[in-house]
């Protein structure tokens, strides 16, 4: 029987940092540490501190993060890094529009 995998895409404001299949994702949110496995319930959360991706019981990616958004839906996980900076830039641009 084939193992079920989770499709993960991690991106920042300019690049895709990771795009592949994993068997587990570990991170932290305001409640504490948590893991996402295949067939996990759908949810959206702000994550912080660390993001670890595992394949074949080994850590394949380990990132220290300040804050990010994690969206889990039907074994597809999207993680958006640098969201806070985008919001701040949008607010500043609206308050101080560039004159051309």
PDB file of N, CA and C in Angstrom:
ATOM      1  N   UNK A   1       0.847  -1.191   0.000  1.00  0.00           N
ATOM      2  CA  UNK A   1       0.000   0.000   0.000  1.00  0.00           C
ATOM      3  C   UNK A   1       0.885   1.244   0.000  1.00  0.00           C
ATOM      4  N   UNK A   2       0.600   2.153  -0.898  1.00  0.00           N
ATOM      5  CA  UNK A   2       1.392   3.381  -1.002  1.00  0.00           C
ATOM      6  C   UNK A   2       1.046   4.327   0.149  1.00  0.00           C
ATOM      7  N   UNK A   3       2.069   4.987   0.656  1.00  0.00           N
ATOM      8  CA  UNK A   3       1.852   5.967   1.719  1.00  0.00           C
ATOM      9  C   UNK A   3       1.223   7.225   1.130  1.00  0.00           C
ATOM     10  N   UNK A   4       0.321   7.819   1.889  1.00  0.00           N
ATOM     11  CA  UNK A   4      -0.263   9.088   1.482  1.00  0.00           C
ATOM     12  C   UNK A   4       0.726  10.197   1.809  1.00  0.00           C
ATOM     13  N   UNK A   5       0.873  11.127   0.909  1.00  0.00           N
ATOM     14  CA  UNK A   5       1.786  12.261   1.096  1.00  0.00           C
ATOM     15  C   UNK A   5       1.002  13.552   1.162  1.00  0.00           C
ATOM     16  N   UNK A   6       1.668  14.579   1.643  1.00  0.00           N
ATOM     17  CA  UNK A   6       1.113  15.928   1.673  1.00  0.00           C
ATOM     18  C   UNK A   6       1.882  16.752   0.645  1.00  0.00           C
ATOM     19  N   UNK A   7       1.179  17.417  -0.235  1.00  0.00           N
ATOM     20  CA  UNK A   7       1.801  18.327  -1.201  1.00  0.00           C
ATOM     21  C   UNK A   7       2.012  19.659  -0.494  1.00  0.00           C
ATOM     22  N   UNK A   8       3.257  20.147  -0.478  1.00  0.00           N
ATOM     23  CA  UNK A   8       3.587  21.381   0.246  1.00  0.00           C
ATOM     24  C   UNK A   8       4.224  22.393  -0.697  1.00  0.00           C
ATOM     25  N   UNK A   9       3.763  23.621  -0.585  1.00  0.00           N
ATOM     26  CA  UNK A   9       4.391  24.727  -1.306  1.00  0.00           C
ATOM     27  C   UNK A   9       4.657  25.834  -0.298  1.00  0.00           C
ATOM     28  N   UNK A  10       5.931  26.170  -0.113  1.00  0.00           N
ATOM     29  CA  UNK A  10       6.342  27.253   0.785  1.00  0.00           C
ATOM     30  C   UNK A  10       6.874  28.369  -0.092  1.00  0.00           C
ATOM     31  N   UNK A  11       6.320  29.555   0.090  1.00  0.00           N
ATOM     32  CA  UNK A  11       6.784  30.688  -0.716  1.00  0.00           C
ATOM     33  C   UNK A  11       6.937  31.932   0.145  1.00  0.00           C
ATOM     34  N   UNK A  12       7.858  32.788  -0.271  1.00  0.00           N
ATOM     35  CA  UNK A  12       7.961  34.102   0.358  1.00  0.00           C
ATOM     36  C   UNK A  12       7.371  35.106  -0.629  1.00  0.00           C
ATOM     37  N   UNK A  13       7.646  36.364  -0.442  1.00  0.00           N
ATOM     38  CA  UNK A  13       7.033  37.383  -1.289  1.00  0.00           C
ATOM     39  C   UNK A  13       7.559  37.358  -2.723  1.00  0.00           C
ATOM     40  N   UNK A  14       8.691  36.685  -2.962  1.00  0.00           N
ATOM     41  CA  UNK A  14       9.276  36.687  -4.301  1.00  0.00           C
ATOM     42  C   UNK A  14       9.559  35.304  -4.876  1.00  0.00           C
ATOM     43  N   UNK A  15       9.767  34.292  -4.043  1.00  0.00           N
ATOM     44  CA  UNK A  15      10.236  32.998  -4.527  1.00  0.00           C
ATOM     45  C   UNK A  15       9.480  31.834  -3.909  1.00  0.00           C
ATOM     46  N   UNK A  16       9.560  30.693  -4.579  1.00  0.00           N
ATOM     47  CA  UNK A  16       9.095  29.443  -4.002  1.00  0.00           C
ATOM     48  C   UNK A  16      10.291  28.828  -3.278  1.00  0.00           C
ATOM     49  N   UNK A  17      10.155  28.620  -1.980  1.00  0.00           N
ATOM     50  CA  UNK A  17      11.240  28.095  -1.146  1.00  0.00           C
ATOM     51  C   UNK A  17      11.263  26.574  -1.182  1.00  0.00           C
ATOM     52  N   UNK A  18      10.079  25.957  -1.225  1.00  0.00           N
ATOM     53  CA  UNK A  18       9.971  24.498  -1.261  1.00  0.00           C
ATOM     54  C   UNK A  18       8.692  24.142  -1.994  1.00  0.00           C
ATOM     55  N   UNK A  19       8.783  23.123  -2.847  1.00  0.00           N
ATOM     56  CA  UNK A  19       7.616  22.624  -3.573  1.00  0.00           C
ATOM     57  C   UNK A  19       7.806  21.126  -3.732  1.00  0.00           C
ATOM     58  N   UNK A  20       7.068  20.345  -2.941  1.00  0.00           N
ATOM     59  CA  UNK A  20       7.230  18.905  -3.018  1.00  0.00           C
ATOM     60  C   UNK A  20       6.302  18.172  -2.076  1.00  0.00           C
ATOM     61  N   UNK A  21       6.499  16.860  -1.998  1.00  0.00           N
ATOM     62  CA  UNK A  21       5.679  16.002  -1.152  1.00  0.00           C
ATOM     63  C   UNK A  21       6.420  15.657   0.126  1.00  0.00           C
ATOM     64  N   UNK A  22       5.706  15.654   1.236  1.00  0.00           N
ATOM     65  CA  UNK A  22       6.273  15.278   2.534  1.00  0.00           C
ATOM     66  C   UNK A  22       5.290  14.365   3.258  1.00  0.00           C
ATOM     67  N   UNK A  23       5.769  13.743   4.325  1.00  0.00           N
ATOM     68  CA  UNK A  23       4.881  12.891   5.127  1.00  0.00           C
ATOM     69  C   UNK A  23       4.411  13.576   6.402  1.00  0.00           C
ATOM     70  N   UNK A  24       5.097  14.680   6.794  1.00  0.00           N
ATOM     71  CA  UNK A  24       4.701  15.384   8.021  1.00  0.00           C
ATOM     72  C   UNK A  24       5.257  16.796   7.993  1.00  0.00           C
ATOM     73  N   UNK A  25       4.509  17.723   8.612  1.00  0.00           N
ATOM     74  CA  UNK A  25       4.934  19.110   8.786  1.00  0.00           C
ATOM     75  C   UNK A  25       4.817  19.428  10.267  1.00  0.00           C
ATOM     76  N   UNK A  26       5.837  20.052  10.829  1.00  0.00           N
ATOM     77  CA  UNK A  26       5.802  20.474  12.234  1.00  0.00           C
ATOM     78  C   UNK A  26       6.008  21.978  12.311  1.00  0.00           C
ATOM     79  N   UNK A  27       5.250  22.622  13.205  1.00  0.00           N
ATOM     80  CA  UNK A  27       5.411  24.053  13.417  1.00  0.00           C
ATOM     81  C   UNK A  27       4.797  24.431  14.764  1.00  0.00           C
ATOM     82  N   UNK A  28       4.666  25.747  14.980  1.00  0.00           N
ATOM     83  CA  UNK A  28       4.096  26.298  16.210  1.00  0.00           C
ATOM     84  C   UNK A  28       3.053  27.338  15.835  1.00  0.00           C
ATOM     85  N   UNK A  29       1.995  27.437  16.642  1.00  0.00           N
ATOM     86  CA  UNK A  29       1.068  28.558  16.536  1.00  0.00           C
ATOM     87  C   UNK A  29       0.815  29.085  17.938  1.00  0.00           C
ATOM     88  N   UNK A  30      -0.204  29.926  18.125  1.00  0.00           N
ATOM     89  CA  UNK A  30      -0.416  30.547  19.437  1.00  0.00           C
ATOM     90  C   UNK A  30      -0.786  29.535  20.514  1.00  0.00           C
ATOM     91  N   UNK A  31      -1.232  28.351  20.134  1.00  0.00           N
ATOM     92  CA  UNK A  31      -1.584  27.311  21.102  1.00  0.00           C
ATOM     93  C   UNK A  31      -0.364  26.488  21.504  1.00  0.00           C
ATOM     94  N   UNK A  32       0.601  26.352  20.598  1.00  0.00           N
ATOM     95  CA  UNK A  32       1.803  25.576  20.877  1.00  0.00           C
ATOM     96  C   UNK A  32       2.243  24.777  19.670  1.00  0.00           C
ATOM     97  N   UNK A  33       3.102  23.768  19.881  1.00  0.00           N
ATOM     98  CA  UNK A  33       3.593  22.959  18.759  1.00  0.00           C
ATOM     99  C   UNK A  33       2.481  22.064  18.192  1.00  0.00           C
ATOM    100  N   UNK A  34       2.550  21.808  16.885  1.00  0.00           N
ATOM    101  CA  UNK A  34       1.588  20.906  16.247  1.00  0.00           C
ATOM    102  C   UNK A  34       2.214  20.267  15.021  1.00  0.00           C
ATOM    103  N   UNK A  35       1.607  19.173  14.580  1.00  0.00           N
ATOM    104  CA  UNK A  35       2.035  18.453  13.384  1.00  0.00           C
ATOM    105  C   UNK A  35       0.858  18.339  12.426  1.00  0.00           C
ATOM    106  N   UNK A  36       1.161  18.312  11.142  1.00  0.00           N
ATOM    107  CA  UNK A  36       0.170  18.064  10.109  1.00  0.00           C
ATOM    108  C   UNK A  36       0.590  16.787   9.397  1.00  0.00           C
ATOM    109  N   UNK A  37      -0.313  15.815   9.369  1.00  0.00           N
ATOM    110  CA  UNK A  37      -0.120  14.545   8.682  1.00  0.00           C
ATOM    111  C   UNK A  37      -1.118  14.445   7.536  1.00  0.00           C
ATOM    112  N   UNK A  38      -0.931  13.483   6.618  1.00  0.00           N
ATOM    113  CA  UNK A  38      -1.934  13.291   5.561  1.00  0.00           C
ATOM    114  C   UNK A  38      -3.332  13.110   6.158  1.00  0.00           C
ATOM    115  N   UNK A  39      -4.316  13.606   5.433  1.00  0.00           N
ATOM    116  CA  UNK A  39      -5.728  13.548   5.819  1.00  0.00           C
ATOM    117  C   UNK A  39      -6.034  14.412   7.041  1.00  0.00           C
ATOM    118  N   UNK A  40      -5.202  15.422   7.306  1.00  0.00           N
ATOM    119  CA  UNK A  40      -5.427  16.357   8.406  1.00  0.00           C
ATOM    120  C   UNK A  40      -6.675  17.188   8.113  1.00  0.00           C
ATOM    121  N   UNK A  41      -7.331  17.652   9.137  1.00  0.00           N
ATOM    122  CA  UNK A  41      -8.476  18.546   8.975  1.00  0.00           C
ATOM    123  C   UNK A  41      -8.042  19.836   8.280  1.00  0.00           C
ATOM    124  N   UNK A  42      -8.926  20.412   7.494  1.00  0.00           N
ATOM    125  CA  UNK A  42      -8.650  21.680   6.831  1.00  0.00           C
ATOM    126  C   UNK A  42      -8.607  22.801   7.865  1.00  0.00           C
ATOM    127  N   UNK A  43      -7.635  23.707   7.728  1.00  0.00           N
ATOM    128  CA  UNK A  43      -7.563  24.864   8.622  1.00  0.00           C
ATOM    129  C   UNK A  43      -6.606  25.907   8.071  1.00  0.00           C
ATOM    130  N   UNK A  44      -6.678  27.086   8.642  1.00  0.00           N
ATOM    131  CA  UNK A  44      -5.736  28.175   8.358  1.00  0.00           C
ATOM    132  C   UNK A  44      -5.220  28.661   9.701  1.00  0.00           C
ATOM    133  N   UNK A  45      -3.897  28.900   9.800  1.00  0.00           N
ATOM    134  CA  UNK A  45      -3.314  29.346  11.056  1.00  0.00           C
ATOM    135  C   UNK A  45      -2.118  30.245  10.791  1.00  0.00           C
ATOM    136  N   UNK A  46      -1.882  31.145  11.714  1.00  0.00           N
ATOM    137  CA  UNK A  46      -0.630  31.893  11.734  1.00  0.00           C
ATOM    138  C   UNK A  46       0.370  31.000  12.455  1.00  0.00           C
ATOM    139  N   UNK A  47       1.494  30.741  11.805  1.00  0.00           N
ATOM    140  CA  UNK A  47       2.538  29.920  12.426  1.00  0.00           C
ATOM    141  C   UNK A  47       3.736  30.795  12.739  1.00  0.00           C
ATOM    142  N   UNK A  48       4.588  30.305  13.645  1.00  0.00           N
ATOM    143  CA  UNK A  48       5.727  31.109  14.088  1.00  0.00           C
ATOM    144  C   UNK A  48       6.866  30.214  14.551  1.00  0.00           C
ATOM    145  N   UNK A  49       8.014  30.804  14.759  1.00  0.00           N
ATOM    146  CA  UNK A  49       9.226  30.195  15.323  1.00  0.00           C
ATOM    147  C   UNK A  49       9.942  29.244  14.377  1.00  0.00           C
ATOM    148  N   UNK A  50       9.293  28.147  13.985  1.00  0.00           N
ATOM    149  CA  UNK A  50       9.993  27.124  13.223  1.00  0.00           C
ATOM    150  C   UNK A  50       9.010  26.399  12.305  1.00  0.00           C
ATOM    151  N   UNK A  51       9.521  25.958  11.168  1.00  0.00           N
ATOM    152  CA  UNK A  51       8.769  25.135  10.234  1.00  0.00           C
ATOM    153  C   UNK A  51       9.678  24.000   9.804  1.00  0.00           C
ATOM    154  N   UNK A  52       9.250  22.760  10.033  1.00  0.00           N
ATOM    155  CA  UNK A  52      10.051  21.591   9.667  1.00  0.00           C
ATOM    156  C   UNK A  52       9.229  20.669   8.778  1.00  0.00           C
ATOM    157  N   UNK A  53       9.856  20.198   7.699  1.00  0.00           N
ATOM    158  CA  UNK A  53       9.217  19.282   6.756  1.00  0.00           C
ATOM    159  C   UNK A  53       9.957  17.949   6.805  1.00  0.00           C
ATOM    160  N   UNK A  54       9.205  16.845   6.872  1.00  0.00           N
ATOM    161  CA  UNK A  54       9.790  15.512   7.028  1.00  0.00           C
ATOM    162  C   UNK A  54       9.389  14.602   5.876  1.00  0.00           C
ATOM    163  N   UNK A  55      10.353  13.801   5.434  1.00  0.00           N
ATOM    164  CA  UNK A  55      10.139  12.790   4.412  1.00  0.00           C
ATOM    165  C   UNK A  55      10.961  11.559   4.791  1.00  0.00           C
ATOM    166  N   UNK A  56      10.380  10.384   4.725  1.00  0.00           N
ATOM    167  CA  UNK A  56      11.063   9.137   5.098  1.00  0.00           C
ATOM    168  C   UNK A  56      11.654   9.224   6.504  1.00  0.00           C
ATOM    169  N   UNK A  57      10.907   9.814   7.419  1.00  0.00           N
ATOM    170  CA  UNK A  57      11.274   9.955   8.839  1.00  0.00           C
ATOM    171  C   UNK A  57      12.531  10.799   9.050  1.00  0.00           C
ATOM    172  N   UNK A  58      12.888  11.626   8.055  1.00  0.00           N
ATOM    173  CA  UNK A  58      14.036  12.524   8.163  1.00  0.00           C
ATOM    174  C   UNK A  58      13.584  13.946   7.853  1.00  0.00           C
ATOM    175  N   UNK A  59      14.193  14.889   8.536  1.00  0.00           N
ATOM    176  CA  UNK A  59      13.904  16.303   8.295  1.00  0.00           C
ATOM    177  C   UNK A  59      14.551  16.703   6.973  1.00  0.00           C
ATOM    178  N   UNK A  60      13.737  17.151   6.006  1.00  0.00           N
ATOM    179  CA  UNK A  60      14.265  17.559   4.701  1.00  0.00           C
ATOM    180  C   UNK A  60      14.367  19.074   4.562  1.00  0.00           C
ATOM    181  N   UNK A  61      13.663  19.801   5.421  1.00  0.00           N
ATOM    182  CA  UNK A  61      13.731  21.266   5.398  1.00  0.00           C
ATOM    183  C   UNK A  61      13.417  21.756   6.800  1.00  0.00           C
ATOM    184  N   UNK A  62      14.239  22.661   7.312  1.00  0.00           N
ATOM    185  CA  UNK A  62      14.044  23.237   8.640  1.00  0.00           C
ATOM    186  C   UNK A  62      14.274  24.738   8.524  1.00  0.00           C
ATOM    187  N   UNK A  63      13.244  25.510   8.810  1.00  0.00           N
ATOM    188  CA  UNK A  63      13.335  26.961   8.655  1.00  0.00           C
ATOM    189  C   UNK A  63      12.951  27.671   9.929  1.00  0.00           C
ATOM    190  N   UNK A  64      13.755  28.620  10.335  1.00  0.00           N
ATOM    191  CA  UNK A  64      13.386  29.533  11.418  1.00  0.00           C
ATOM    192  C   UNK A  64      12.554  30.632  10.770  1.00  0.00           C
ATOM    193  N   UNK A  65      11.379  30.870  11.326  1.00  0.00           N
ATOM    194  CA  UNK A  65      10.485  31.871  10.758  1.00  0.00           C
ATOM    195  C   UNK A  65       9.991  32.790  11.861  1.00  0.00           C
ATOM    196  N   UNK A  66       9.687  34.012  11.486  1.00  0.00           N
ATOM    197  CA  UNK A  66       9.084  34.924  12.455  1.00  0.00           C
ATOM    198  C   UNK A  66       7.584  34.654  12.513  1.00  0.00           C
ATOM    199  N   UNK A  67       6.912  34.823  11.385  1.00  0.00           N
ATOM    200  CA  UNK A  67       5.485  34.518  11.272  1.00  0.00           C
ATOM    201  C   UNK A  67       5.186  34.168   9.830  1.00  0.00           C
ATOM    202  N   UNK A  68       4.186  33.322   9.651  1.00  0.00           N
ATOM    203  CA  UNK A  68       3.736  32.933   8.318  1.00  0.00           C
ATOM    204  C   UNK A  68       2.284  32.481   8.419  1.00  0.00           C
ATOM    205  N   UNK A  69       1.661  32.318   7.270  1.00  0.00           N
ATOM    206  CA  UNK A  69       0.303  31.794   7.200  1.00  0.00           C
ATOM    207  C   UNK A  69       0.384  30.377   6.637  1.00  0.00           C
ATOM    208  N   UNK A  70      -0.285  29.427   7.295  1.00  0.00           N
ATOM    209  CA  UNK A  70      -0.366  28.059   6.801  1.00  0.00           C
ATOM    210  C   UNK A  70      -1.820  27.752   6.469  1.00  0.00           C
ATOM    211  N   UNK A  71      -2.041  27.272   5.243  1.00  0.00           N
ATOM    212  CA  UNK A  71      -3.378  26.871   4.804  1.00  0.00           C
ATOM    213  C   UNK A  71      -3.328  25.388   4.458  1.00  0.00           C
ATOM    214  N   UNK A  72      -4.166  24.598   5.117  1.00  0.00           N
ATOM    215  CA  UNK A  72      -4.228  23.155   4.887  1.00  0.00           C
ATOM    216  C   UNK A  72      -5.595  22.833   4.303  1.00  0.00           C
ATOM    217  N   UNK A  73      -5.602  22.188   3.131  1.00  0.00           N
ATOM    218  CA  UNK A  73      -6.864  21.785   2.512  1.00  0.00           C
ATOM    219  C   UNK A  73      -6.635  20.551   1.659  1.00  0.00           C
ATOM    220  N   UNK A  74      -7.242  19.435   2.067  1.00  0.00           N
ATOM    221  CA  UNK A  74      -7.214  18.182   1.307  1.00  0.00           C
ATOM    222  C   UNK A  74      -5.798  17.757   0.916  1.00  0.00           C
ATOM    223  N   UNK A  75      -4.914  17.611   1.880  1.00  0.00           N
ATOM    224  CA  UNK A  75      -3.531  17.177   1.662  1.00  0.00           C
ATOM    225  C   UNK A  75      -2.724  18.121   0.768  1.00  0.00           C
ATOM    226  N   UNK A  76      -3.162  19.358   0.661  1.00  0.00           N
ATOM    227  CA  UNK A  76      -2.393  20.410   0.010  1.00  0.00           C
ATOM    228  C   UNK A  76      -2.144  21.484   1.065  1.00  0.00           C
ATOM    229  N   UNK A  77      -0.879  21.776   1.318  1.00  0.00           N
ATOM    230  CA  UNK A  77      -0.515  22.779   2.326  1.00  0.00           C
ATOM    231  C   UNK A  77       0.231  23.903   1.629  1.00  0.00           C
ATOM    232  N   UNK A  78      -0.262  25.113   1.821  1.00  0.00           N
ATOM    233  CA  UNK A  78       0.398  26.301   1.297  1.00  0.00           C
ATOM    234  C   UNK A  78       0.854  27.134   2.481  1.00  0.00           C
ATOM    235  N   UNK A  79       2.122  27.548   2.435  1.00  0.00           N
ATOM    236  CA  UNK A  79       2.691  28.344   3.516  1.00  0.00           C
ATOM    237  C   UNK A  79       3.241  29.625   2.902  1.00  0.00           C
ATOM    238  N   UNK A  80       2.782  30.739   3.440  1.00  0.00           N
ATOM    239  CA  UNK A  80       3.142  32.053   2.911  1.00  0.00           C
ATOM    240  C   UNK A  80       3.997  32.789   3.939  1.00  0.00           C
ATOM    241  N   UNK A  81       5.266  32.979   3.623  1.00  0.00           N
ATOM    242  CA  UNK A  81       6.199  33.706   4.488  1.00  0.00           C
ATOM    243  C   UNK A  81       6.180  35.180   4.118  1.00  0.00           C
ATOM    244  N   UNK A  82       6.457  36.052   5.068  1.00  0.00           N
ATOM    245  CA  UNK A  82       6.575  37.482   4.783  1.00  0.00           C
ATOM    246  C   UNK A  82       5.257  38.199   4.594  1.00  0.00           C
ATOM    247  N   UNK A  83       4.175  37.635   5.039  1.00  0.00           N
ATOM    248  CA  UNK A  83       2.857  38.252   4.876  1.00  0.00           C
ATOM    249  C   UNK A  83       2.757  39.564   5.641  1.00  0.00           C
ATOM    250  N   UNK A  84       3.291  39.602   6.854  1.00  0.00           N
ATOM    251  CA  UNK A  84       3.222  40.799   7.686  1.00  0.00           C
ATOM    252  C   UNK A  84       3.866  41.996   6.987  1.00  0.00           C
ATOM    253  N   UNK A  85       4.994  41.776   6.317  1.00  0.00           N
ATOM    254  CA  UNK A  85       5.678  42.853   5.608  1.00  0.00           C
ATOM    255  C   UNK A  85       4.821  43.384   4.466  1.00  0.00           C
ATOM    256  N   UNK A  86       4.103  42.500   3.765  1.00  0.00           N
ATOM    257  CA  UNK A  86       3.236  42.941   2.681  1.00  0.00           C
ATOM    258  C   UNK A  86       2.119  43.835   3.190  1.00  0.00           C
ATOM    259  N   UNK A  87       1.516  43.480   4.290  1.00  0.00           N
ATOM    260  CA  UNK A  87       0.430  44.268   4.859  1.00  0.00           C
ATOM    261  C   UNK A  87       0.935  45.644   5.253  1.00  0.00           C
ATOM    262  N   UNK A  88       2.081  45.717   5.881  1.00  0.00           N
ATOM    263  CA  UNK A  88       2.663  47.005   6.291  1.00  0.00           C
ATOM    264  C   UNK A  88       2.959  47.862   5.071  1.00  0.00           C
ATOM    265  N   UNK A  89       3.519  47.270   4.011  1.00  0.00           N
ATOM    266  CA  UNK A  89       3.811  48.032   2.799  1.00  0.00           C
ATOM    267  C   UNK A  89       2.534  48.573   2.173  1.00  0.00           C
ATOM    268  N   UNK A  90       1.475  47.775   2.104  1.00  0.00           N
ATOM    269  CA  UNK A  90       0.212  48.238   1.537  1.00  0.00           C
ATOM    270  C   UNK A  90      -0.343  49.414   2.322  1.00  0.00           C
ATOM    271  N   UNK A  91      -0.307  49.350   3.633  1.00  0.00           N
ATOM    272  CA  UNK A  91      -0.812  50.436   4.469  1.00  0.00           C
ATOM    273  C   UNK A  91       0.002  51.701   4.232  1.00  0.00           C
ATOM    274  N   UNK A  92       1.329  51.564   4.185  1.00  0.00           N
ATOM    275  CA  UNK A  92       2.189  52.722   3.967  1.00  0.00           C
ATOM    276  C   UNK A  92       1.965  53.332   2.588  1.00  0.00           C
ATOM    277  N   UNK A  93       1.768  52.494   1.571  1.00  0.00           N
ATOM    278  CA  UNK A  93       1.535  53.017   0.223  1.00  0.00           C
ATOM    279  C   UNK A  93       0.222  53.786   0.135  1.00  0.00           C
ATOM    280  N   UNK A  94      -0.803  53.317   0.833  1.00  0.00           N
ATOM    281  CA  UNK A  94      -2.091  54.012   0.808  1.00  0.00           C
ATOM    282  C   UNK A  94      -2.005  55.334   1.578  1.00  0.00           C
ATOM    283  N   UNK A  95      -1.244  55.353   2.645  1.00  0.00           N
ATOM    284  CA  UNK A  95      -1.125  56.574   3.442  1.00  0.00           C
ATOM    285  C   UNK A  95      -0.238  57.610   2.769  1.00  0.00           C
ATOM    286  N   UNK A  96       0.768  57.122   2.025  1.00  0.00           N
ATOM    287  CA  UNK A  96       1.736  58.000   1.362  1.00  0.00           C
ATOM    288  C   UNK A  96       1.898  57.586  -0.099  1.00  0.00           C
ATOM    289  N   UNK A  97       0.917  57.836  -0.937  1.00  0.00           N
ATOM    290  CA  UNK A  97       1.034  57.405  -2.333  1.00  0.00           C
ATOM    291  C   UNK A  97       2.204  58.098  -3.026  1.00  0.00           C
ATOM    292  N   UNK A  98       2.861  57.326  -3.899  1.00  0.00           N
ATOM    293  CA  UNK A  98       3.983  57.885  -4.660  1.00  0.00           C
ATOM    294  C   UNK A  98       3.453  58.837  -5.712  1.00  0.00           C
ATOM    295  N   UNK A  99       4.129  59.966  -5.848  1.00  0.00           N
ATOM    296  CA  UNK A  99       3.734  60.945  -6.850  1.00  0.00           C
ATOM    297  C   UNK A  99       4.596  60.736  -8.090  1.00  0.00           C
ATOM    298  N   UNK A 100       3.936  60.692  -9.231  1.00  0.00           N
ATOM    299  CA  UNK A 100       4.694  60.512 -10.480  1.00  0.00           C
ATOM    300  C   UNK A 100       4.572  61.696 -11.367  1.00  0.00           C
TER     301      UNK A 100
END
